[in-house]
PDB file of N, CA and C in Angstrom:
ATOM      1  N   UNK A   1      25.094  11.022 -47.457  1.00  0.00           N
ATOM      2  CA  UNK A   1      24.853  10.005 -46.434  1.00  0.00           C
ATOM      3  C   UNK A   1      23.535  10.325 -46.117  1.00  0.00           C
ATOM      4  N   UNK A   2      22.665   9.300 -45.927  1.00  0.00           N
ATOM      5  CA  UNK A   2      21.151   9.151 -45.954  1.00  0.00           C
ATOM      6  C   UNK A   2      20.678   8.605 -44.411  1.00  0.00           C
ATOM      7  N   UNK A   3      21.978   7.808 -44.260  1.00  0.00           N
ATOM      8  CA  UNK A   3      21.781   7.259 -42.624  1.00  0.00           C
ATOM      9  C   UNK A   3      20.753   6.243 -42.907  1.00  0.00           C
ATOM     10  N   UNK A   4      20.598   5.487 -43.876  1.00  0.00           N
ATOM     11  CA  UNK A   4      20.128   4.230 -44.344  1.00  0.00           C
ATOM     12  C   UNK A   4      18.565   4.685 -44.424  1.00  0.00           C
ATOM     13  N   UNK A   5      17.957   5.548 -44.525  1.00  0.00           N
ATOM     14  CA  UNK A   5      16.793   5.752 -45.204  1.00  0.00           C
ATOM     15  C   UNK A   5      16.610   5.032 -46.672  1.00  0.00           C
ATOM     16  N   UNK A   6      17.165   5.186 -47.383  1.00  0.00           N
ATOM     17  CA  UNK A   6      17.228   4.359 -48.670  1.00  0.00           C
ATOM     18  C   UNK A   6      16.874   3.186 -48.674  1.00  0.00           C
ATOM     19  N   UNK A   7      17.367   2.429 -47.858  1.00  0.00           N
ATOM     20  CA  UNK A   7      17.033   1.011 -47.630  1.00  0.00           C
ATOM     21  C   UNK A   7      15.833   0.966 -47.144  1.00  0.00           C
ATOM     22  N   UNK A   8      14.832   1.710 -46.505  1.00  0.00           N
ATOM     23  CA  UNK A   8      13.732   1.410 -45.800  1.00  0.00           C
ATOM     24  C   UNK A   8      12.827   1.298 -46.776  1.00  0.00           C
ATOM     25  N   UNK A   9      11.754   0.268 -46.513  1.00  0.00           N
ATOM     26  CA  UNK A   9      11.015   0.207 -47.674  1.00  0.00           C
ATOM     27  C   UNK A   9      10.073   1.026 -47.496  1.00  0.00           C
ATOM     28  N   UNK A  10       9.189   1.489 -48.624  1.00  0.00           N
ATOM     29  CA  UNK A  10       8.396   2.492 -49.117  1.00  0.00           C
ATOM     30  C   UNK A  10       7.105   2.508 -48.129  1.00  0.00           C
ATOM     31  N   UNK A  11       6.412   1.354 -47.824  1.00  0.00           N
ATOM     32  CA  UNK A  11       5.026   1.385 -46.933  1.00  0.00           C
ATOM     33  C   UNK A  11       5.892   1.232 -45.571  1.00  0.00           C
ATOM     34  N   UNK A  12       6.903   1.058 -45.310  1.00  0.00           N
ATOM     35  CA  UNK A  12       7.401   1.515 -43.860  1.00  0.00           C
ATOM     36  C   UNK A  12       7.207   2.683 -43.663  1.00  0.00           C
ATOM     37  N   UNK A  13       7.925   3.756 -44.814  1.00  0.00           N
ATOM     38  CA  UNK A  13       7.699   4.993 -44.379  1.00  0.00           C
ATOM     39  C   UNK A  13       6.039   5.727 -44.434  1.00  0.00           C
ATOM     40  N   UNK A  14       5.529   4.910 -45.044  1.00  0.00           N
ATOM     41  CA  UNK A  14       3.672   5.614 -44.725  1.00  0.00           C
ATOM     42  C   UNK A  14       3.257   5.576 -43.496  1.00  0.00           C
ATOM     43  N   UNK A  15       3.952   4.656 -42.422  1.00  0.00           N
ATOM     44  CA  UNK A  15       3.277   4.027 -41.321  1.00  0.00           C
ATOM     45  C   UNK A  15       3.223   5.127 -39.968  1.00  0.00           C
ATOM     46  N   UNK A  16       2.103   5.550 -39.470  1.00  0.00           N
ATOM     47  CA  UNK A  16       2.154   6.945 -38.876  1.00  0.00           C
ATOM     48  C   UNK A  16       1.975   6.220 -37.197  1.00  0.00           C
ATOM     49  N   UNK A  17       2.833   6.466 -36.285  1.00  0.00           N
ATOM     50  CA  UNK A  17       2.779   6.145 -34.895  1.00  0.00           C
ATOM     51  C   UNK A  17       1.999   7.148 -34.215  1.00  0.00           C
ATOM     52  N   UNK A  18       1.226   6.818 -33.281  1.00  0.00           N
ATOM     53  CA  UNK A  18       0.920   7.997 -32.425  1.00  0.00           C
ATOM     54  C   UNK A  18       2.056   8.911 -31.723  1.00  0.00           C
ATOM     55  N   UNK A  19       1.871  10.358 -31.533  1.00  0.00           N
ATOM     56  CA  UNK A  19       2.857  11.048 -30.743  1.00  0.00           C
ATOM     57  C   UNK A  19       2.520  10.914 -29.498  1.00  0.00           C
ATOM     58  N   UNK A  20       3.358  11.116 -28.531  1.00  0.00           N
ATOM     59  CA  UNK A  20       3.191  11.218 -26.893  1.00  0.00           C
ATOM     60  C   UNK A  20       3.615   9.688 -26.177  1.00  0.00           C
ATOM     61  N   UNK A  21       2.916  10.166 -25.141  1.00  0.00           N
ATOM     62  CA  UNK A  21       3.203   8.664 -24.251  1.00  0.00           C
ATOM     63  C   UNK A  21       2.141   8.051 -24.234  1.00  0.00           C
ATOM     64  N   UNK A  22       2.257   6.403 -24.371  1.00  0.00           N
ATOM     65  CA  UNK A  22       1.067   5.540 -24.373  1.00  0.00           C
ATOM     66  C   UNK A  22      -0.211   5.997 -23.187  1.00  0.00           C
ATOM     67  N   UNK A  23      -1.278   6.364 -23.352  1.00  0.00           N
ATOM     68  CA  UNK A  23      -2.172   6.456 -22.444  1.00  0.00           C
ATOM     69  C   UNK A  23      -2.798   5.049 -21.813  1.00  0.00           C
ATOM     70  N   UNK A  24      -2.111   4.608 -20.982  1.00  0.00           N
ATOM     71  CA  UNK A  24      -2.837   3.287 -20.320  1.00  0.00           C
ATOM     72  C   UNK A  24      -2.499   3.043 -18.700  1.00  0.00           C
ATOM     73  N   UNK A  25      -3.353   2.351 -18.261  1.00  0.00           N
ATOM     74  CA  UNK A  25      -3.459   2.373 -16.959  1.00  0.00           C
ATOM     75  C   UNK A  25      -3.087   0.814 -16.266  1.00  0.00           C
ATOM     76  N   UNK A  26      -2.457   1.109 -14.863  1.00  0.00           N
ATOM     77  CA  UNK A  26      -1.994  -0.300 -14.669  1.00  0.00           C
ATOM     78  C   UNK A  26      -3.376  -1.330 -14.272  1.00  0.00           C
ATOM     79  N   UNK A  27      -3.393  -2.565 -14.170  1.00  0.00           N
ATOM     80  CA  UNK A  27      -4.601  -3.122 -13.985  1.00  0.00           C
ATOM     81  C   UNK A  27      -4.633  -3.411 -12.114  1.00  0.00           C
ATOM     82  N   UNK A  28      -3.305  -3.257 -11.470  1.00  0.00           N
ATOM     83  CA  UNK A  28      -3.478  -3.359 -10.051  1.00  0.00           C
ATOM     84  C   UNK A  28      -2.050  -2.776  -9.985  1.00  0.00           C
ATOM     85  N   UNK A  29      -2.419  -1.816  -8.457  1.00  0.00           N
ATOM     86  CA  UNK A  29      -1.202  -1.189  -8.082  1.00  0.00           C
ATOM     87  C   UNK A  29      -0.837  -1.793  -6.437  1.00  0.00           C
ATOM     88  N   UNK A  30       0.279  -2.671  -6.730  1.00  0.00           N
ATOM     89  CA  UNK A  30       0.947  -2.751  -5.090  1.00  0.00           C
ATOM     90  C   UNK A  30       1.420  -2.020  -4.352  1.00  0.00           C
ATOM     91  N   UNK A  31       1.458  -2.014  -3.124  1.00  0.00           N
ATOM     92  CA  UNK A  31       1.710  -0.757  -1.747  1.00  0.00           C
ATOM     93  C   UNK A  31       1.970  -1.744  -0.697  1.00  0.00           C
ATOM     94  N   UNK A  32       2.507  -1.072   0.176  1.00  0.00           N
ATOM     95  CA  UNK A  32       2.693  -1.544   1.458  1.00  0.00           C
ATOM     96  C   UNK A  32       1.840  -0.920   2.302  1.00  0.00           C
ATOM     97  N   UNK A  33       1.596  -1.377   3.564  1.00  0.00           N
ATOM     98  CA  UNK A  33       0.172  -0.776   4.560  1.00  0.00           C
ATOM     99  C   UNK A  33       0.375   0.644   4.367  1.00  0.00           C
ATOM    100  N   UNK A  34       1.444   1.391   4.462  1.00  0.00           N
ATOM    101  CA  UNK A  34       1.455   2.765   4.739  1.00  0.00           C
ATOM    102  C   UNK A  34       1.134   3.796   3.656  1.00  0.00           C
ATOM    103  N   UNK A  35       0.912   3.249   2.313  1.00  0.00           N
ATOM    104  CA  UNK A  35       0.074   3.703   1.163  1.00  0.00           C
ATOM    105  C   UNK A  35      -1.038   3.435   1.524  1.00  0.00           C
ATOM    106  N   UNK A  36      -2.321   3.792   2.261  1.00  0.00           N
ATOM    107  CA  UNK A  36      -3.205   3.598   2.481  1.00  0.00           C
ATOM    108  C   UNK A  36      -4.315   4.157   1.526  1.00  0.00           C
ATOM    109  N   UNK A  37      -3.683   5.026   0.891  1.00  0.00           N
ATOM    110  CA  UNK A  37      -4.867   5.860  -0.085  1.00  0.00           C
ATOM    111  C   UNK A  37      -5.167   5.191  -1.218  1.00  0.00           C
ATOM    112  N   UNK A  38      -6.654   4.579  -1.069  1.00  0.00           N
ATOM    113  CA  UNK A  38      -7.286   3.614  -2.122  1.00  0.00           C
ATOM    114  C   UNK A  38      -8.223   4.867  -2.876  1.00  0.00           C
ATOM    115  N   UNK A  39      -8.648   6.137  -2.512  1.00  0.00           N
ATOM    116  CA  UNK A  39      -9.596   6.668  -3.274  1.00  0.00           C
ATOM    117  C   UNK A  39      -9.064   7.176  -4.777  1.00  0.00           C
ATOM    118  N   UNK A  40      -8.019   7.247  -5.033  1.00  0.00           N
ATOM    119  CA  UNK A  40      -7.610   7.736  -6.208  1.00  0.00           C
ATOM    120  C   UNK A  40      -7.193   6.291  -7.059  1.00  0.00           C
ATOM    121  N   UNK A  41      -7.114   5.453  -6.431  1.00  0.00           N
ATOM    122  CA  UNK A  41      -7.028   4.293  -7.481  1.00  0.00           C
ATOM    123  C   UNK A  41      -8.684   3.810  -7.678  1.00  0.00           C
ATOM    124  N   UNK A  42      -9.418   4.006  -6.555  1.00  0.00           N
ATOM    125  CA  UNK A  42     -10.921   3.471  -7.218  1.00  0.00           C
ATOM    126  C   UNK A  42     -11.645   4.357  -8.046  1.00  0.00           C
ATOM    127  N   UNK A  43     -11.174   5.595  -8.032  1.00  0.00           N
ATOM    128  CA  UNK A  43     -11.939   6.370  -9.023  1.00  0.00           C
ATOM    129  C   UNK A  43     -11.376   6.126 -10.201  1.00  0.00           C
ATOM    130  N   UNK A  44     -10.310   5.699 -10.652  1.00  0.00           N
ATOM    131  CA  UNK A  44      -9.577   5.372 -11.805  1.00  0.00           C
ATOM    132  C   UNK A  44      -9.752   3.763 -12.014  1.00  0.00           C
ATOM    133  N   UNK A  45     -10.827   3.264 -11.395  1.00  0.00           N
ATOM    134  CA  UNK A  45     -10.883   1.630 -11.132  1.00  0.00           C
ATOM    135  C   UNK A  45      -9.326   0.946 -11.332  1.00  0.00           C
ATOM    136  N   UNK A  46      -8.555   1.404 -10.506  1.00  0.00           N
ATOM    137  CA  UNK A  46      -7.415   0.414 -10.460  1.00  0.00           C
ATOM    138  C   UNK A  46      -7.361  -0.547  -9.279  1.00  0.00           C
ATOM    139  N   UNK A  47      -7.324  -1.836  -9.316  1.00  0.00           N
ATOM    140  CA  UNK A  47      -7.222  -2.330  -8.060  1.00  0.00           C
ATOM    141  C   UNK A  47      -6.160  -2.187  -7.368  1.00  0.00           C
ATOM    142  N   UNK A  48      -6.363  -2.081  -6.197  1.00  0.00           N
ATOM    143  CA  UNK A  48      -5.175  -1.790  -4.978  1.00  0.00           C
ATOM    144  C   UNK A  48      -4.859  -3.191  -4.642  1.00  0.00           C
ATOM    145  N   UNK A  49      -3.790  -3.503  -4.243  1.00  0.00           N
ATOM    146  CA  UNK A  49      -2.767  -4.512  -3.724  1.00  0.00           C
ATOM    147  C   UNK A  49      -2.439  -4.249  -2.823  1.00  0.00           C
ATOM    148  N   UNK A  50      -3.289  -3.339  -1.569  1.00  0.00           N
ATOM    149  CA  UNK A  50      -2.880  -3.185  -0.212  1.00  0.00           C
ATOM    150  C   UNK A  50      -3.448  -3.684   0.912  1.00  0.00           C
ATOM    151  N   UNK A  51      -3.381  -4.291   1.553  1.00  0.00           N
ATOM    152  CA  UNK A  51      -4.051  -4.704   3.098  1.00  0.00           C
ATOM    153  C   UNK A  51      -4.305  -3.753   3.617  1.00  0.00           C
ATOM    154  N   UNK A  52      -5.065  -3.736   4.609  1.00  0.00           N
ATOM    155  CA  UNK A  52      -5.700  -2.701   5.269  1.00  0.00           C
ATOM    156  C   UNK A  52      -4.802  -2.779   6.800  1.00  0.00           C
ATOM    157  N   UNK A  53      -4.886  -1.655   7.387  1.00  0.00           N
ATOM    158  CA  UNK A  53      -4.149  -1.785   8.320  1.00  0.00           C
ATOM    159  C   UNK A  53      -4.724  -2.072   9.577  1.00  0.00           C
ATOM    160  N   UNK A  54      -4.296  -2.621  10.424  1.00  0.00           N
ATOM    161  CA  UNK A  54      -5.107  -3.202  11.786  1.00  0.00           C
ATOM    162  C   UNK A  54      -5.893  -2.218  12.267  1.00  0.00           C
ATOM    163  N   UNK A  55      -5.555  -1.057  12.595  1.00  0.00           N
ATOM    164  CA  UNK A  55      -6.200  -0.104  13.552  1.00  0.00           C
ATOM    165  C   UNK A  55      -7.313   0.581  12.478  1.00  0.00           C
ATOM    166  N   UNK A  56      -7.213   0.417  11.331  1.00  0.00           N
ATOM    167  CA  UNK A  56      -8.215   0.679  10.399  1.00  0.00           C
ATOM    168  C   UNK A  56      -9.373  -0.202   9.941  1.00  0.00           C
ATOM    169  N   UNK A  57      -8.814  -1.221  10.512  1.00  0.00           N
ATOM    170  CA  UNK A  57      -9.912  -2.367  10.326  1.00  0.00           C
ATOM    171  C   UNK A  57     -10.626  -2.719  11.628  1.00  0.00           C
ATOM    172  N   UNK A  58     -10.122  -2.415  12.654  1.00  0.00           N
ATOM    173  CA  UNK A  58     -10.621  -2.856  13.917  1.00  0.00           C
ATOM    174  C   UNK A  58     -11.711  -1.436  14.246  1.00  0.00           C
ATOM    175  N   UNK A  59     -11.653  -0.330  13.603  1.00  0.00           N
ATOM    176  CA  UNK A  59     -12.379   0.782  13.555  1.00  0.00           C
ATOM    177  C   UNK A  59     -13.600   0.737  12.995  1.00  0.00           C
ATOM    178  N   UNK A  60     -13.289   0.255  11.682  1.00  0.00           N
ATOM    179  CA  UNK A  60     -14.614  -0.251  10.965  1.00  0.00           C
ATOM    180  C   UNK A  60     -15.384  -1.511  11.063  1.00  0.00           C
ATOM    181  N   UNK A  61     -14.812  -2.176  12.088  1.00  0.00           N
ATOM    182  CA  UNK A  61     -15.808  -3.345  12.762  1.00  0.00           C
ATOM    183  C   UNK A  61     -16.150  -2.938  13.430  1.00  0.00           C
ATOM    184  N   UNK A  62     -15.761  -1.640  14.328  1.00  0.00           N
ATOM    185  CA  UNK A  62     -16.569  -1.345  15.714  1.00  0.00           C
ATOM    186  C   UNK A  62     -17.524  -0.447  15.159  1.00  0.00           C
ATOM    187  N   UNK A  63     -17.644  -0.082  14.109  1.00  0.00           N
ATOM    188  CA  UNK A  63     -18.911   0.751  13.196  1.00  0.00           C
ATOM    189  C   UNK A  63     -19.736  -0.137  13.168  1.00  0.00           C
ATOM    190  N   UNK A  64     -19.602  -1.210  12.852  1.00  0.00           N
ATOM    191  CA  UNK A  64     -20.451  -2.171  12.619  1.00  0.00           C
ATOM    192  C   UNK A  64     -20.929  -1.881  11.094  1.00  0.00           C
ATOM    193  N   UNK A  65     -22.264  -1.999  10.801  1.00  0.00           N
ATOM    194  CA  UNK A  65     -22.599  -2.056   9.452  1.00  0.00           C
ATOM    195  C   UNK A  65     -22.524  -0.974   8.733  1.00  0.00           C
ATOM    196  N   UNK A  66     -22.526   0.563   9.678  1.00  0.00           N
ATOM    197  CA  UNK A  66     -22.233   1.904   9.061  1.00  0.00           C
ATOM    198  C   UNK A  66     -20.578   1.877   8.517  1.00  0.00           C
ATOM    199  N   UNK A  67     -19.826   0.741   9.205  1.00  0.00           N
ATOM    200  CA  UNK A  67     -18.359   0.857   8.777  1.00  0.00           C
ATOM    201  C   UNK A  67     -17.900   0.602   7.594  1.00  0.00           C
ATOM    202  N   UNK A  68     -18.827  -0.025   6.763  1.00  0.00           N
ATOM    203  CA  UNK A  68     -18.520   0.149   4.992  1.00  0.00           C
ATOM    204  C   UNK A  68     -18.062  -1.365   4.860  1.00  0.00           C
ATOM    205  N   UNK A  69     -17.612  -1.959   3.585  1.00  0.00           N
ATOM    206  CA  UNK A  69     -17.416  -2.881   3.180  1.00  0.00           C
ATOM    207  C   UNK A  69     -15.790  -3.204   3.548  1.00  0.00           C
ATOM    208  N   UNK A  70     -15.935  -4.714   4.134  1.00  0.00           N
ATOM    209  CA  UNK A  70     -13.809  -4.525   4.264  1.00  0.00           C
ATOM    210  C   UNK A  70     -13.329  -4.847   2.992  1.00  0.00           C
ATOM    211  N   UNK A  71     -11.973  -4.425   3.013  1.00  0.00           N
ATOM    212  CA  UNK A  71     -11.399  -4.050   2.224  1.00  0.00           C
ATOM    213  C   UNK A  71     -10.398  -5.424   1.590  1.00  0.00           C
ATOM    214  N   UNK A  72     -10.747  -5.584   0.202  1.00  0.00           N
ATOM    215  CA  UNK A  72     -10.132  -6.784  -0.460  1.00  0.00           C
ATOM    216  C   UNK A  72      -8.963  -6.582  -1.027  1.00  0.00           C
ATOM    217  N   UNK A  73      -7.873  -7.656  -0.751  1.00  0.00           N
ATOM    218  CA  UNK A  73      -6.657  -7.578  -1.419  1.00  0.00           C
ATOM    219  C   UNK A  73      -6.190  -9.023  -1.859  1.00  0.00           C
ATOM    220  N   UNK A  74      -5.495  -8.807  -3.270  1.00  0.00           N
ATOM    221  CA  UNK A  74      -4.835 -10.612  -3.631  1.00  0.00           C
ATOM    222  C   UNK A  74      -3.657 -10.626  -2.701  1.00  0.00           C
ATOM    223  N   UNK A  75      -3.695 -11.763  -1.969  1.00  0.00           N
ATOM    224  CA  UNK A  75      -2.717 -11.994  -1.351  1.00  0.00           C
ATOM    225  C   UNK A  75      -1.394 -12.314  -1.635  1.00  0.00           C
ATOM    226  N   UNK A  76      -1.785 -13.062  -3.234  1.00  0.00           N
ATOM    227  CA  UNK A  76      -0.700 -13.723  -4.085  1.00  0.00           C
ATOM    228  C   UNK A  76      -0.289 -12.543  -4.672  1.00  0.00           C
ATOM    229  N   UNK A  77      -0.760 -11.398  -5.321  1.00  0.00           N
ATOM    230  CA  UNK A  77      -0.165 -10.368  -5.690  1.00  0.00           C
ATOM    231  C   UNK A  77       0.612  -9.653  -4.726  1.00  0.00           C
ATOM    232  N   UNK A  78      -0.085  -9.715  -3.458  1.00  0.00           N
ATOM    233  CA  UNK A  78       1.004  -8.892  -2.281  1.00  0.00           C
ATOM    234  C   UNK A  78       2.312  -9.754  -2.057  1.00  0.00           C
ATOM    235  N   UNK A  79       2.536 -10.786  -2.296  1.00  0.00           N
ATOM    236  CA  UNK A  79       3.391 -11.744  -1.992  1.00  0.00           C
ATOM    237  C   UNK A  79       4.384 -11.369  -3.169  1.00  0.00           C
ATOM    238  N   UNK A  80       4.019 -11.610  -4.371  1.00  0.00           N
ATOM    239  CA  UNK A  80       4.828 -11.011  -5.665  1.00  0.00           C
ATOM    240  C   UNK A  80       5.461  -9.777  -5.357  1.00  0.00           C
ATOM    241  N   UNK A  81       4.812  -8.635  -4.731  1.00  0.00           N
ATOM    242  CA  UNK A  81       5.526  -7.391  -4.328  1.00  0.00           C
ATOM    243  C   UNK A  81       6.402  -7.728  -3.504  1.00  0.00           C
ATOM    244  N   UNK A  82       6.496  -7.813  -2.471  1.00  0.00           N
ATOM    245  CA  UNK A  82       7.245  -8.201  -1.413  1.00  0.00           C
ATOM    246  C   UNK A  82       8.596  -8.935  -2.433  1.00  0.00           C
ATOM    247  N   UNK A  83       8.716  -9.911  -3.127  1.00  0.00           N
ATOM    248  CA  UNK A  83       9.594 -10.837  -3.709  1.00  0.00           C
ATOM    249  C   UNK A  83      10.270  -9.830  -4.284  1.00  0.00           C
ATOM    250  N   UNK A  84       9.797  -8.999  -5.422  1.00  0.00           N
ATOM    251  CA  UNK A  84      10.108  -7.941  -6.314  1.00  0.00           C
ATOM    252  C   UNK A  84      11.063  -7.255  -5.172  1.00  0.00           C
ATOM    253  N   UNK A  85      10.061  -6.642  -4.166  1.00  0.00           N
ATOM    254  CA  UNK A  85      11.070  -5.439  -3.265  1.00  0.00           C
ATOM    255  C   UNK A  85      12.375  -6.292  -2.726  1.00  0.00           C
ATOM    256  N   UNK A  86      12.440  -7.287  -2.185  1.00  0.00           N
ATOM    257  CA  UNK A  86      13.630  -8.087  -1.904  1.00  0.00           C
ATOM    258  C   UNK A  86      14.835  -8.167  -2.558  1.00  0.00           C
ATOM    259  N   UNK A  87      14.116  -8.357  -3.798  1.00  0.00           N
ATOM    260  CA  UNK A  87      15.245  -8.366  -4.623  1.00  0.00           C
ATOM    261  C   UNK A  87      15.834  -7.049  -5.268  1.00  0.00           C
ATOM    262  N   UNK A  88      15.141  -6.265  -5.317  1.00  0.00           N
ATOM    263  CA  UNK A  88      15.477  -4.638  -5.840  1.00  0.00           C
ATOM    264  C   UNK A  88      16.564  -4.343  -4.176  1.00  0.00           C
ATOM    265  N   UNK A  89      16.225  -4.710  -3.083  1.00  0.00           N
ATOM    266  CA  UNK A  89      17.405  -4.224  -2.221  1.00  0.00           C
ATOM    267  C   UNK A  89      18.606  -4.908  -2.091  1.00  0.00           C
ATOM    268  N   UNK A  90      18.267  -6.125  -2.677  1.00  0.00           N
ATOM    269  CA  UNK A  90      19.775  -7.117  -3.032  1.00  0.00           C
ATOM    270  C   UNK A  90      20.419  -6.380  -4.181  1.00  0.00           C
ATOM    271  N   UNK A  91      19.799  -5.713  -5.268  1.00  0.00           N
ATOM    272  CA  UNK A  91      20.846  -5.110  -5.628  1.00  0.00           C
ATOM    273  C   UNK A  91      21.093  -3.870  -5.587  1.00  0.00           C
ATOM    274  N   UNK A  92      20.515  -3.243  -4.475  1.00  0.00           N
ATOM    275  CA  UNK A  92      21.167  -1.856  -3.881  1.00  0.00           C
ATOM    276  C   UNK A  92      22.323  -2.314  -3.237  1.00  0.00           C
ATOM    277  N   UNK A  93      22.622  -3.324  -2.554  1.00  0.00           N
ATOM    278  CA  UNK A  93      23.904  -3.496  -1.682  1.00  0.00           C
ATOM    279  C   UNK A  93      24.839  -3.783  -2.409  1.00  0.00           C
TER     280      UNK A  93
END
């Protein structure tokens, strides 16, 4: 018994695949307002689809020009995250 290896073409045997898991990063990470840690994502150039908390936004605005740039998030991607989350909750029930 050879397990079907005798039927495999010789060219396919010579193909080498990389070993280990692929090293890819997501283009964007969606989360809710509780995960407001964006420093790691920013460091790795990953887009955060997390809206800013109201108290954090108020504090930033209170500082004026020293408060930094407002956090941007893609509302459409955030809406998709909510849809996926609701679908997963339906599967749990």
